[in-house]
Amino acid sequence: MEGLIIATNRLGNMLKWFKAWRNEIAENDIAIFIMHDSFNSIDTREIFNGIKNIAPELFKRFVFNHCDVVDSLQADSWIIPEKTSACKSYVVLKAWNAGCRKIFCLDDDCLPIKGLHTIPVHRLKLDMKMDNSVCVTIDKLRPRGMPYLPKVPVMLSHGLWNGIPDIDAITQVSGLPYYEIKEGIIPRGALFPFSGMNWACNREVMPLMYFGVQGPRWRVDRFDDIWCGFIAKKVMDHLRMAVWSGKPCINHVRASDVFVNLEKEAPGYRMNNEFYEFLFDLTIKGETPLECMKHVGEKIYAWGRKINGIGSYWEKYGEAIQIWASLFEKTI
């Protein structure tokens, strides 16, 4: 089985999204895992019924909200935050528990581009093997001196966007210049700004796809996918796995407000630089993604206590990662 995960708190967006994607979902015989960012079971049921009315027997669908998080994780439910896209971690876990071989993720303001097929292209990327450790200086030809190295499996496919790019709020306020997407393997040793709105991964690396503690309770937001990507890429480099970035693209129509985004992002800019430098210099230990994730959580926890003290944000972030990793050792 393969799964498509999505987090939403907007019924109208969710139904519009489903109508746009229903044919591709049906053609690929894929299960959908929806995280409704709410404790309101009536609204969650409305989402489920709305989808059921559009296409009653197309595919398996699972709809969850924070009541399910509390029921299943109990004292550890705090690691799935509220009022933030970081809550999508929960449906990563549910797709894992359902036995999904691959998962695909799309935001509720991402729509298909006519004539393009997002899920099959992601699947194609995840079945590739590539060289990610040498920078190639020309296209199509092999330059002299290029070493013949073993290729490594692509485990994460990072899709991009047409329409409105996924940029930070400062750049949004400044205006949108013309841009072009870059396509190819992210070089080994380099971290990158991971956009969580259009991606796919193989089962082996699902334990790395944790979007952390973000949102109003934590007073930092919109860095959930960025920090998830930093960690995932660092671990995959250690394990000789590759990340593809570029196509497939989706049409990003953006539902969020730029000034709200600016307020959410402001506390995270300095934290983002600090975290990047910490991870860049970190030596990873472990032989599997799960072992490495535990190690990263331990290191972040210790680093957070050292620089900010007991109960600091980074200490709690490291603790959350360790709890998250432990969930992949049992079925919930």
C-alpha atoms as a PDB file:
ATOM      1  CA  MET A   1       0.000   0.000   0.000  1.00  0.00           C
ATOM      2  CA  GLU A   2       1.020   3.604  -0.637  1.00  0.00           C
ATOM      3  CA  GLY A   3      -0.314   6.593   1.282  1.00  0.00           C
ATOM      4  CA  LEU A   4      -1.018  10.253   0.610  1.00  0.00           C
ATOM      5  CA  ILE A   5      -0.855  12.453   3.710  1.00  0.00           C
ATOM      6  CA  ILE A   6      -2.269  15.916   4.199  1.00  0.00           C
ATOM      7  CA  ALA A   7      -2.882  18.281   7.125  1.00  0.00           C
ATOM      8  CA  THR A   8      -5.672  20.855   7.021  1.00  0.00           C
ATOM      9  CA  ASN A   9      -7.784  23.157   9.166  1.00  0.00           C
ATOM     10  CA  ARG A  10      -9.861  24.501   6.271  1.00  0.00           C
ATOM     11  CA  LEU A  11     -12.902  22.510   5.133  1.00  0.00           C
ATOM     12  CA  GLY A  12     -13.417  24.577   1.968  1.00  0.00           C
ATOM     13  CA  ASN A  13      -9.792  24.176   0.912  1.00  0.00           C
ATOM     14  CA  MET A  14      -9.867  20.461   1.665  1.00  0.00           C
ATOM     15  CA  LEU A  15     -12.908  19.765  -0.513  1.00  0.00           C
ATOM     16  CA  LYS A  16     -11.557  21.911  -3.352  1.00  0.00           C
ATOM     17  CA  TRP A  17      -8.229  20.080  -3.057  1.00  0.00           C
ATOM     18  CA  PHE A  18      -9.902  16.682  -3.142  1.00  0.00           C
ATOM     19  CA  LYS A  19     -11.963  17.486  -6.227  1.00  0.00           C
ATOM     20  CA  ALA A  20      -8.783  18.598  -8.009  1.00  0.00           C
ATOM     21  CA  TRP A  21      -6.744  15.513  -7.055  1.00  0.00           C
ATOM     22  CA  ARG A  22      -9.434  12.796  -7.027  1.00  0.00           C
ATOM     23  CA  ASN A  23      -8.627  11.389 -10.479  1.00  0.00           C
ATOM     24  CA  GLU A  24      -4.906  11.058  -9.825  1.00  0.00           C
ATOM     25  CA  ILE A  25      -5.544   9.502  -6.425  1.00  0.00           C
ATOM     26  CA  ALA A  26      -7.967   6.999  -7.941  1.00  0.00           C
ATOM     27  CA  GLU A  27      -5.652   6.136 -10.835  1.00  0.00           C
ATOM     28  CA  ASN A  28      -2.845   5.331  -8.384  1.00  0.00           C
ATOM     29  CA  ASP A  29      -5.027   3.304  -5.978  1.00  0.00           C
ATOM     30  CA  ILE A  30      -3.662   5.193  -3.015  1.00  0.00           C
ATOM     31  CA  ALA A  31      -4.862   5.505   0.591  1.00  0.00           C
ATOM     32  CA  ILE A  32      -5.289   9.005   1.994  1.00  0.00           C
ATOM     33  CA  PHE A  33      -4.451   9.995   5.578  1.00  0.00           C
ATOM     34  CA  ILE A  34      -5.911  13.365   6.630  1.00  0.00           C
ATOM     35  CA  MET A  35      -4.878  15.206   9.787  1.00  0.00           C
ATOM     36  CA  HIS A  36      -7.524  17.759  10.771  1.00  0.00           C
ATOM     37  CA  ASP A  37      -5.754  20.325  12.953  1.00  0.00           C
ATOM     38  CA  SER A  38      -8.591  20.581  15.464  1.00  0.00           C
ATOM     39  CA  PHE A  39     -10.224  19.007  18.512  1.00  0.00           C
ATOM     40  CA  ASN A  40     -13.662  19.558  16.942  1.00  0.00           C
ATOM     41  CA  SER A  41     -14.970  16.114  16.017  1.00  0.00           C
ATOM     42  CA  ILE A  42     -18.032  17.589  14.286  1.00  0.00           C
ATOM     43  CA  ASP A  43     -15.851  19.520  11.835  1.00  0.00           C
ATOM     44  CA  THR A  44     -13.651  16.464  11.340  1.00  0.00           C
ATOM     45  CA  ARG A  45     -16.712  14.378  10.487  1.00  0.00           C
ATOM     46  CA  GLU A  46     -17.805  17.106   8.056  1.00  0.00           C
ATOM     47  CA  ILE A  47     -14.507  16.745   6.204  1.00  0.00           C
ATOM     48  CA  PHE A  48     -14.944  12.972   6.062  1.00  0.00           C
ATOM     49  CA  ASN A  49     -18.551  13.224   4.836  1.00  0.00           C
ATOM     50  CA  GLY A  50     -17.649  15.889   2.282  1.00  0.00           C
ATOM     51  CA  ILE A  51     -15.031  13.605   0.741  1.00  0.00           C
ATOM     52  CA  LYS A  52     -17.382  10.628   0.905  1.00  0.00           C
ATOM     53  CA  ASN A  53     -20.065  12.559  -0.975  1.00  0.00           C
ATOM     54  CA  ILE A  54     -17.647  13.537  -3.743  1.00  0.00           C
ATOM     55  CA  ALA A  55     -16.326  10.018  -4.361  1.00  0.00           C
ATOM     56  CA  PRO A  56     -17.856   7.418  -2.030  1.00  0.00           C
ATOM     57  CA  GLU A  57     -15.911   4.339  -3.122  1.00  0.00           C
ATOM     58  CA  LEU A  58     -12.759   5.585  -4.779  1.00  0.00           C
ATOM     59  CA  PHE A  59     -10.181   4.595  -2.198  1.00  0.00           C
ATOM     60  CA  LYS A  60      -9.424   4.076   1.471  1.00  0.00           C
ATOM     61  CA  ARG A  61      -9.449   7.229   3.559  1.00  0.00           C
ATOM     62  CA  PHE A  62      -8.536   7.879   7.161  1.00  0.00           C
ATOM     63  CA  VAL A  63      -9.367  11.136   8.930  1.00  0.00           C
ATOM     64  CA  PHE A  64      -7.818  12.043  12.296  1.00  0.00           C
ATOM     65  CA  ASN A  65      -7.796  15.024  14.636  1.00  0.00           C
ATOM     66  CA  HIS A  66      -6.112  15.921  17.931  1.00  0.00           C
ATOM     67  CA  CYS A  67      -8.592  13.819  19.903  1.00  0.00           C
ATOM     68  CA  ASP A  68      -7.060  10.782  18.166  1.00  0.00           C
ATOM     69  CA  VAL A  69      -3.579  12.050  19.013  1.00  0.00           C
ATOM     70  CA  VAL A  70      -4.432  12.272  22.712  1.00  0.00           C
ATOM     71  CA  ASP A  71      -6.153   8.866  22.689  1.00  0.00           C
ATOM     72  CA  SER A  72      -3.183   7.103  21.094  1.00  0.00           C
ATOM     73  CA  LEU A  73      -0.165   8.992  22.467  1.00  0.00           C
ATOM     74  CA  GLN A  74      -1.631  10.023  25.831  1.00  0.00           C
ATOM     75  CA  ALA A  75       1.120  11.698  27.913  1.00  0.00           C
ATOM     76  CA  ASP A  76       3.309  11.995  24.823  1.00  0.00           C
ATOM     77  CA  SER A  77       0.622  13.741  22.726  1.00  0.00           C
ATOM     78  CA  TRP A  78       2.430  17.083  23.193  1.00  0.00           C
ATOM     79  CA  ILE A  79       4.923  16.079  20.491  1.00  0.00           C
ATOM     80  CA  ILE A  80       2.155  16.588  17.872  1.00  0.00           C
ATOM     81  CA  PRO A  81       1.527  20.341  18.108  1.00  0.00           C
ATOM     82  CA  GLU A  82      -1.710  22.221  17.394  1.00  0.00           C
ATOM     83  CA  LYS A  83      -2.541  25.096  15.038  1.00  0.00           C
ATOM     84  CA  THR A  84       0.435  24.454  12.784  1.00  0.00           C
ATOM     85  CA  SER A  85       1.244  22.379   9.721  1.00  0.00           C
ATOM     86  CA  ALA A  86       3.674  20.439  11.926  1.00  0.00           C
ATOM     87  CA  CYS A  87       0.693  18.343  13.028  1.00  0.00           C
ATOM     88  CA  LYS A  88       1.149  16.341   9.794  1.00  0.00           C
ATOM     89  CA  SER A  89       3.700  14.237  11.668  1.00  0.00           C
ATOM     90  CA  TYR A  90       0.797  12.259  13.090  1.00  0.00           C
ATOM     91  CA  VAL A  91      -0.365  11.016   9.693  1.00  0.00           C
ATOM     92  CA  VAL A  92       3.213  10.093   8.780  1.00  0.00           C
ATOM     93  CA  LEU A  93       3.072   7.802  11.808  1.00  0.00           C
ATOM     94  CA  LYS A  94      -0.366   6.447  10.878  1.00  0.00           C
ATOM     95  CA  ALA A  95       0.773   5.703   7.329  1.00  0.00           C
ATOM     96  CA  TRP A  96       3.786   3.862   8.777  1.00  0.00           C
ATOM     97  CA  ASN A  97       1.555   1.810  11.067  1.00  0.00           C
ATOM     98  CA  ALA A  98      -0.676   0.977   8.093  1.00  0.00           C
ATOM     99  CA  GLY A  99       2.352  -0.523   6.323  1.00  0.00           C
ATOM    100  CA  CYS A 100       2.701   2.046   3.525  1.00  0.00           C
ATOM    101  CA  ARG A 101       5.744   1.415   1.306  1.00  0.00           C
ATOM    102  CA  LYS A 102       5.820   5.025   0.141  1.00  0.00           C
ATOM    103  CA  ILE A 103       4.119   8.197   1.280  1.00  0.00           C
ATOM    104  CA  PHE A 104       3.313  11.315  -0.709  1.00  0.00           C
ATOM    105  CA  CYS A 105       2.521  14.651   0.939  1.00  0.00           C
ATOM    106  CA  LEU A 106       0.614  17.629  -0.453  1.00  0.00           C
ATOM    107  CA  ASP A 107      -0.657  20.780   1.289  1.00  0.00           C
ATOM    108  CA  ASP A 108      -4.295  21.823   0.962  1.00  0.00           C
ATOM    109  CA  ASP A 109      -3.354  24.894  -1.105  1.00  0.00           C
ATOM    110  CA  CYS A 110      -1.444  22.823  -3.667  1.00  0.00           C
ATOM    111  CA  LEU A 111      -3.304  21.888  -6.841  1.00  0.00           C
ATOM    112  CA  PRO A 112      -2.305  19.713  -9.813  1.00  0.00           C
ATOM    113  CA  ILE A 113      -0.934  21.182 -13.035  1.00  0.00           C
ATOM    114  CA  LYS A 114      -2.926  20.069 -16.065  1.00  0.00           C
ATOM    115  CA  GLY A 115      -1.140  17.374 -18.033  1.00  0.00           C
ATOM    116  CA  LEU A 116       1.386  16.601 -15.289  1.00  0.00           C
ATOM    117  CA  HIS A 117       1.221  13.579 -12.996  1.00  0.00           C
ATOM    118  CA  THR A 118       2.626  14.290  -9.551  1.00  0.00           C
ATOM    119  CA  ILE A 119       2.384  10.920  -7.807  1.00  0.00           C
ATOM    120  CA  PRO A 120       3.892   8.807 -10.630  1.00  0.00           C
ATOM    121  CA  VAL A 121       6.802  11.252 -11.030  1.00  0.00           C
ATOM    122  CA  HIS A 122       7.542  11.172  -7.299  1.00  0.00           C
ATOM    123  CA  ARG A 123       7.387   7.379  -7.444  1.00  0.00           C
ATOM    124  CA  LEU A 124       9.838   7.351 -10.362  1.00  0.00           C
ATOM    125  CA  LYS A 125      12.301   9.531  -8.441  1.00  0.00           C
ATOM    126  CA  LEU A 126      12.086   7.262  -5.393  1.00  0.00           C
ATOM    127  CA  ASP A 127      13.028   4.260  -7.519  1.00  0.00           C
ATOM    128  CA  MET A 128      16.220   5.897  -8.845  1.00  0.00           C
ATOM    129  CA  LYS A 129      19.843   5.530  -7.823  1.00  0.00           C
ATOM    130  CA  MET A 130      22.145   8.516  -8.293  1.00  0.00           C
ATOM    131  CA  ASP A 131      25.639   9.798  -7.538  1.00  0.00           C
ATOM    132  CA  ASN A 132      25.357  12.566  -4.935  1.00  0.00           C
ATOM    133  CA  SER A 133      28.966  12.986  -3.828  1.00  0.00           C
ATOM    134  CA  VAL A 134      30.706  14.684  -6.808  1.00  0.00           C
ATOM    135  CA  CYS A 135      29.801  18.001  -8.421  1.00  0.00           C
ATOM    136  CA  VAL A 136      29.464  17.598 -12.214  1.00  0.00           C
ATOM    137  CA  THR A 137      30.728  20.618 -14.155  1.00  0.00           C
ATOM    138  CA  ILE A 138      29.035  19.956 -17.514  1.00  0.00           C
ATOM    139  CA  ASP A 139      25.747  18.473 -18.716  1.00  0.00           C
ATOM    140  CA  LYS A 140      25.307  15.259 -20.722  1.00  0.00           C
ATOM    141  CA  LEU A 141      29.041  14.449 -20.958  1.00  0.00           C
ATOM    142  CA  ARG A 142      31.329  12.845 -18.384  1.00  0.00           C
ATOM    143  CA  PRO A 143      34.258  15.177 -17.641  1.00  0.00           C
ATOM    144  CA  ARG A 144      37.750  13.701 -17.417  1.00  0.00           C
ATOM    145  CA  GLY A 145      38.603  12.701 -13.863  1.00  0.00           C
ATOM    146  CA  MET A 146      35.023  12.041 -12.808  1.00  0.00           C
ATOM    147  CA  PRO A 147      35.351   9.068 -10.424  1.00  0.00           C
ATOM    148  CA  TYR A 148      33.299   5.940 -11.032  1.00  0.00           C
ATOM    149  CA  LEU A 149      31.490   5.746  -7.707  1.00  0.00           C
ATOM    150  CA  PRO A 150      28.599   3.476  -6.665  1.00  0.00           C
ATOM    151  CA  LYS A 151      25.211   5.126  -6.977  1.00  0.00           C
ATOM    152  CA  VAL A 152      23.032   5.549  -3.887  1.00  0.00           C
ATOM    153  CA  PRO A 153      19.232   5.199  -3.596  1.00  0.00           C
ATOM    154  CA  VAL A 154      16.985   8.254  -3.691  1.00  0.00           C
ATOM    155  CA  MET A 155      14.880   8.104  -0.531  1.00  0.00           C
ATOM    156  CA  LEU A 156      13.306  11.573  -0.506  1.00  0.00           C
ATOM    157  CA  SER A 157      11.759  13.328  -3.500  1.00  0.00           C
ATOM    158  CA  HIS A 158      11.383  17.074  -2.873  1.00  0.00           C
ATOM    159  CA  GLY A 159       8.866  18.549  -5.324  1.00  0.00           C
ATOM    160  CA  LEU A 160       8.650  22.262  -6.073  1.00  0.00           C
ATOM    161  CA  TRP A 161       6.003  24.614  -7.371  1.00  0.00           C
ATOM    162  CA  ASN A 162       4.624  26.725 -10.163  1.00  0.00           C
ATOM    163  CA  GLY A 163       2.619  29.815  -9.279  1.00  0.00           C
ATOM    164  CA  ILE A 164       3.492  31.258  -5.877  1.00  0.00           C
ATOM    165  CA  PRO A 165       6.890  29.998  -4.627  1.00  0.00           C
ATOM    166  CA  ASP A 166       7.361  28.758  -1.055  1.00  0.00           C
ATOM    167  CA  ILE A 167       9.431  31.676   0.223  1.00  0.00           C
ATOM    168  CA  ASP A 168       9.814  33.377   3.585  1.00  0.00           C
ATOM    169  CA  ALA A 169       7.602  36.262   4.647  1.00  0.00           C
ATOM    170  CA  ILE A 170      10.367  38.890   4.382  1.00  0.00           C
ATOM    171  CA  THR A 171      10.833  38.032   0.704  1.00  0.00           C
ATOM    172  CA  GLN A 172       7.052  37.979   0.175  1.00  0.00           C
ATOM    173  CA  VAL A 173       6.724  41.522   1.540  1.00  0.00           C
ATOM    174  CA  SER A 174       9.656  42.683  -0.608  1.00  0.00           C
ATOM    175  CA  GLY A 175       8.012  41.479  -3.822  1.00  0.00           C
ATOM    176  CA  LEU A 176       8.352  38.435  -6.066  1.00  0.00           C
ATOM    177  CA  PRO A 177      11.047  38.585  -8.756  1.00  0.00           C
ATOM    178  CA  TYR A 178      11.134  36.121 -11.635  1.00  0.00           C
ATOM    179  CA  TYR A 179      12.474  32.781 -10.520  1.00  0.00           C
ATOM    180  CA  GLU A 180      13.393  29.394 -11.949  1.00  0.00           C
ATOM    181  CA  ILE A 181      13.383  26.095 -10.106  1.00  0.00           C
ATOM    182  CA  LYS A 182      16.571  24.054  -9.829  1.00  0.00           C
ATOM    183  CA  GLU A 183      16.387  20.349 -10.459  1.00  0.00           C
ATOM    184  CA  GLY A 184      18.751  17.571  -9.461  1.00  0.00           C
ATOM    185  CA  ILE A 185      20.357  15.705  -6.597  1.00  0.00           C
ATOM    186  CA  ILE A 186      21.145  17.721  -3.453  1.00  0.00           C
ATOM    187  CA  PRO A 187      24.914  17.228  -3.011  1.00  0.00           C
ATOM    188  CA  ARG A 188      26.155  15.074  -0.170  1.00  0.00           C
ATOM    189  CA  GLY A 189      27.215  17.254   2.744  1.00  0.00           C
ATOM    190  CA  ALA A 190      24.850  20.142   1.920  1.00  0.00           C
ATOM    191  CA  LEU A 191      21.686  20.896   3.856  1.00  0.00           C
ATOM    192  CA  PHE A 192      18.792  22.572   2.048  1.00  0.00           C
ATOM    193  CA  PRO A 193      15.493  24.416   2.709  1.00  0.00           C
ATOM    194  CA  PHE A 194      12.954  21.591   2.603  1.00  0.00           C
ATOM    195  CA  SER A 195       9.428  22.669   1.623  1.00  0.00           C
ATOM    196  CA  GLY A 196       6.855  20.375   3.220  1.00  0.00           C
ATOM    197  CA  MET A 197       4.047  21.090   0.765  1.00  0.00           C
ATOM    198  CA  ASN A 198       4.973  18.615  -2.025  1.00  0.00           C
ATOM    199  CA  TRP A 199       7.241  15.654  -1.278  1.00  0.00           C
ATOM    200  CA  ALA A 200       7.438  11.876  -1.120  1.00  0.00           C
ATOM    201  CA  CYS A 201       9.639   9.336   0.622  1.00  0.00           C
ATOM    202  CA  ASN A 202      10.254   5.610   0.896  1.00  0.00           C
ATOM    203  CA  ARG A 203       9.263   3.683   3.999  1.00  0.00           C
ATOM    204  CA  GLU A 204      12.864   3.320   5.178  1.00  0.00           C
ATOM    205  CA  VAL A 205      13.152   7.045   5.986  1.00  0.00           C
ATOM    206  CA  MET A 206       9.665   7.707   7.398  1.00  0.00           C
ATOM    207  CA  PRO A 207      11.107   7.869  10.956  1.00  0.00           C
ATOM    208  CA  LEU A 208      13.048  10.965   9.812  1.00  0.00           C
ATOM    209  CA  MET A 209       9.913  12.822   8.713  1.00  0.00           C
ATOM    210  CA  TYR A 210       9.103  14.479  12.020  1.00  0.00           C
ATOM    211  CA  PHE A 211       8.021  18.111  11.831  1.00  0.00           C
ATOM    212  CA  GLY A 212       8.789  18.995  15.408  1.00  0.00           C
ATOM    213  CA  VAL A 213       7.118  21.209  17.973  1.00  0.00           C
ATOM    214  CA  GLN A 214       5.857  24.435  16.449  1.00  0.00           C
ATOM    215  CA  GLY A 215       2.834  26.725  16.677  1.00  0.00           C
ATOM    216  CA  PRO A 216       1.390  29.095  19.297  1.00  0.00           C
ATOM    217  CA  ARG A 217       2.379  27.004  22.327  1.00  0.00           C
ATOM    218  CA  TRP A 218       6.029  27.031  21.252  1.00  0.00           C
ATOM    219  CA  ARG A 219       6.145  30.628  19.953  1.00  0.00           C
ATOM    220  CA  VAL A 220       7.867  29.635  16.722  1.00  0.00           C
ATOM    221  CA  ASP A 221       6.261  28.422  13.507  1.00  0.00           C
ATOM    222  CA  ARG A 222       6.826  27.815   9.799  1.00  0.00           C
ATOM    223  CA  PHE A 223      10.218  26.204  10.397  1.00  0.00           C
ATOM    224  CA  ASP A 224       8.752  22.740  10.923  1.00  0.00           C
ATOM    225  CA  ASP A 225       9.539  21.459   7.429  1.00  0.00           C
ATOM    226  CA  ILE A 226      12.863  23.335   7.282  1.00  0.00           C
ATOM    227  CA  TRP A 227      14.237  21.688  10.432  1.00  0.00           C
ATOM    228  CA  CYS A 228      12.770  18.326   9.452  1.00  0.00           C
ATOM    229  CA  GLY A 229      14.664  18.618   6.163  1.00  0.00           C
ATOM    230  CA  PHE A 230      17.924  19.619   7.844  1.00  0.00           C
ATOM    231  CA  ILE A 231      17.807  16.527  10.051  1.00  0.00           C
ATOM    232  CA  ALA A 232      16.625  14.144   7.323  1.00  0.00           C
ATOM    233  CA  LYS A 233      19.332  15.263   4.896  1.00  0.00           C
ATOM    234  CA  LYS A 234      22.063  15.035   7.535  1.00  0.00           C
ATOM    235  CA  VAL A 235      21.043  11.473   8.403  1.00  0.00           C
ATOM    236  CA  MET A 236      20.630  10.397   4.774  1.00  0.00           C
ATOM    237  CA  ASP A 237      24.100  11.680   3.941  1.00  0.00           C
ATOM    238  CA  HIS A 238      25.489   9.551   6.772  1.00  0.00           C
ATOM    239  CA  LEU A 239      23.597   6.474   5.505  1.00  0.00           C
ATOM    240  CA  ARG A 240      24.552   7.023   1.853  1.00  0.00           C
ATOM    241  CA  MET A 241      21.043   7.914   0.711  1.00  0.00           C
ATOM    242  CA  ALA A 242      20.120  10.663  -1.734  1.00  0.00           C
ATOM    243  CA  VAL A 243      17.580  13.512  -1.963  1.00  0.00           C
ATOM    244  CA  TRP A 244      16.133  14.609  -5.304  1.00  0.00           C
ATOM    245  CA  SER A 245      14.771  18.164  -5.620  1.00  0.00           C
ATOM    246  CA  GLY A 246      12.814  19.701  -8.497  1.00  0.00           C
ATOM    247  CA  LYS A 247      10.018  18.023 -10.417  1.00  0.00           C
ATOM    248  CA  PRO A 248       7.232  17.135  -9.982  1.00  0.00           C
ATOM    249  CA  CYS A 249       5.870  20.638  -9.532  1.00  0.00           C
ATOM    250  CA  ILE A 250       2.430  21.565  -8.264  1.00  0.00           C
ATOM    251  CA  ASN A 251       0.421  24.782  -8.557  1.00  0.00           C
ATOM    252  CA  HIS A 252       0.781  26.586  -5.236  1.00  0.00           C
ATOM    253  CA  VAL A 253      -2.125  29.006  -4.733  1.00  0.00           C
ATOM    254  CA  ARG A 254      -1.197  29.876  -1.098  1.00  0.00           C
ATOM    255  CA  ALA A 255      -3.975  30.293   1.422  1.00  0.00           C
ATOM    256  CA  SER A 256      -1.918  31.936   4.190  1.00  0.00           C
ATOM    257  CA  ASP A 257      -1.611  35.658   4.960  1.00  0.00           C
ATOM    258  CA  VAL A 258       1.832  37.199   4.447  1.00  0.00           C
ATOM    259  CA  PHE A 259       1.697  39.419   7.564  1.00  0.00           C
ATOM    260  CA  VAL A 260       0.524  36.550   9.753  1.00  0.00           C
ATOM    261  CA  ASN A 261       3.404  34.512   8.314  1.00  0.00           C
ATOM    262  CA  LEU A 262       5.843  37.298   9.162  1.00  0.00           C
ATOM    263  CA  GLU A 263       4.729  37.289  12.796  1.00  0.00           C
ATOM    264  CA  LYS A 264       5.000  33.500  12.979  1.00  0.00           C
ATOM    265  CA  GLU A 265       8.446  33.374  11.383  1.00  0.00           C
ATOM    266  CA  ALA A 266      10.098  36.270  13.219  1.00  0.00           C
ATOM    267  CA  PRO A 267      11.261  34.335  16.329  1.00  0.00           C
ATOM    268  CA  GLY A 268      12.681  31.560  14.158  1.00  0.00           C
ATOM    269  CA  TYR A 269      15.128  33.413  11.920  1.00  0.00           C
ATOM    270  CA  ARG A 270      17.968  33.511  14.449  1.00  0.00           C
ATOM    271  CA  MET A 271      17.093  30.002  15.704  1.00  0.00           C
ATOM    272  CA  ASN A 272      17.259  28.709  12.137  1.00  0.00           C
ATOM    273  CA  ASN A 273      20.836  29.928  11.690  1.00  0.00           C
ATOM    274  CA  GLU A 274      21.906  28.461  15.038  1.00  0.00           C
ATOM    275  CA  PHE A 275      20.300  25.102  14.309  1.00  0.00           C
ATOM    276  CA  TYR A 276      21.820  24.917  10.828  1.00  0.00           C
ATOM    277  CA  GLU A 277      25.320  25.498  12.198  1.00  0.00           C
ATOM    278  CA  PHE A 278      24.801  22.954  14.985  1.00  0.00           C
ATOM    279  CA  LEU A 279      23.593  20.235  12.599  1.00  0.00           C
ATOM    280  CA  PHE A 280      26.161  20.993   9.922  1.00  0.00           C
ATOM    281  CA  ASP A 281      28.964  20.234  12.375  1.00  0.00           C
ATOM    282  CA  LEU A 282      27.235  17.271  14.035  1.00  0.00           C
ATOM    283  CA  THR A 283      28.722  13.798  13.589  1.00  0.00           C
ATOM    284  CA  ILE A 284      25.902  11.293  13.129  1.00  0.00           C
ATOM    285  CA  LYS A 285      25.997   7.828  14.673  1.00  0.00           C
ATOM    286  CA  GLY A 286      23.781   4.875  13.788  1.00  0.00           C
ATOM    287  CA  GLU A 287      23.257   2.273  11.090  1.00  0.00           C
ATOM    288  CA  THR A 288      19.560   2.828  10.369  1.00  0.00           C
ATOM    289  CA  PRO A 289      17.387   5.958  10.049  1.00  0.00           C
ATOM    290  CA  LEU A 290      15.713   5.108  13.353  1.00  0.00           C
ATOM    291  CA  GLU A 291      19.013   4.688  15.227  1.00  0.00           C
ATOM    292  CA  CYS A 292      20.290   7.941  13.739  1.00  0.00           C
ATOM    293  CA  MET A 293      17.100   9.790  14.633  1.00  0.00           C
ATOM    294  CA  LYS A 294      17.441   8.718  18.261  1.00  0.00           C
ATOM    295  CA  HIS A 295      21.049   9.911  18.269  1.00  0.00           C
ATOM    296  CA  VAL A 296      20.120  13.282  16.766  1.00  0.00           C
ATOM    297  CA  GLY A 297      17.396  13.724  19.386  1.00  0.00           C
ATOM    298  CA  GLU A 298      19.875  13.009  22.184  1.00  0.00           C
ATOM    299  CA  LYS A 299      22.382  15.492  20.764  1.00  0.00           C
ATOM    300  CA  ILE A 300      19.794  18.256  20.290  1.00  0.00           C
ATOM    301  CA  TYR A 301      18.544  17.668  23.844  1.00  0.00           C
ATOM    302  CA  ALA A 302      22.063  18.016  25.283  1.00  0.00           C
ATOM    303  CA  TRP A 303      22.850  21.039  23.091  1.00  0.00           C
ATOM    304  CA  GLY A 304      19.617  22.762  24.136  1.00  0.00           C
ATOM    305  CA  ARG A 305      20.363  22.288  27.822  1.00  0.00           C
ATOM    306  CA  LYS A 306      23.883  23.595  27.323  1.00  0.00           C
ATOM    307  CA  ILE A 307      23.031  26.788  25.446  1.00  0.00           C
ATOM    308  CA  ASN A 308      19.608  27.692  26.910  1.00  0.00           C
ATOM    309  CA  GLY A 309      19.170  25.603  30.051  1.00  0.00           C
ATOM    310  CA  ILE A 310      16.661  23.098  31.398  1.00  0.00           C
ATOM    311  CA  GLY A 311      13.202  23.372  29.862  1.00  0.00           C
ATOM    312  CA  SER A 312      14.471  25.357  26.864  1.00  0.00           C
ATOM    313  CA  TYR A 313      12.942  25.030  23.418  1.00  0.00           C
ATOM    314  CA  TRP A 314      15.802  22.993  21.935  1.00  0.00           C
ATOM    315  CA  GLU A 315      15.859  20.677  24.933  1.00  0.00           C
ATOM    316  CA  LYS A 316      12.141  19.955  24.410  1.00  0.00           C
ATOM    317  CA  TYR A 317      12.668  19.599  20.657  1.00  0.00           C
ATOM    318  CA  GLY A 318      15.343  16.968  21.292  1.00  0.00           C
ATOM    319  CA  GLU A 319      13.095  15.180  23.795  1.00  0.00           C
ATOM    320  CA  ALA A 320      10.236  15.199  21.279  1.00  0.00           C
ATOM    321  CA  ILE A 321      12.449  13.621  18.614  1.00  0.00           C
ATOM    322  CA  GLN A 322      13.434  10.819  20.980  1.00  0.00           C
ATOM    323  CA  ILE A 323       9.781  10.115  21.820  1.00  0.00           C
ATOM    324  CA  TRP A 324       8.889  10.244  18.137  1.00  0.00           C
ATOM    325  CA  ALA A 325      11.590   7.712  17.284  1.00  0.00           C
ATOM    326  CA  SER A 326      10.365   5.356  19.987  1.00  0.00           C
ATOM    327  CA  LEU A 327       6.908   5.264  18.344  1.00  0.00           C
ATOM    328  CA  PHE A 328       8.353   3.457  15.332  1.00  0.00           C
ATOM    329  CA  GLU A 329       9.348   0.547  17.539  1.00  0.00           C
ATOM    330  CA  LYS A 330       5.755  -0.313  18.354  1.00  0.00           C
ATOM    331  CA  THR A 331       2.334  -0.256  16.695  1.00  0.00           C
ATOM    332  CA  ILE A 332      -0.212   2.299  17.862  1.00  0.00           C
END
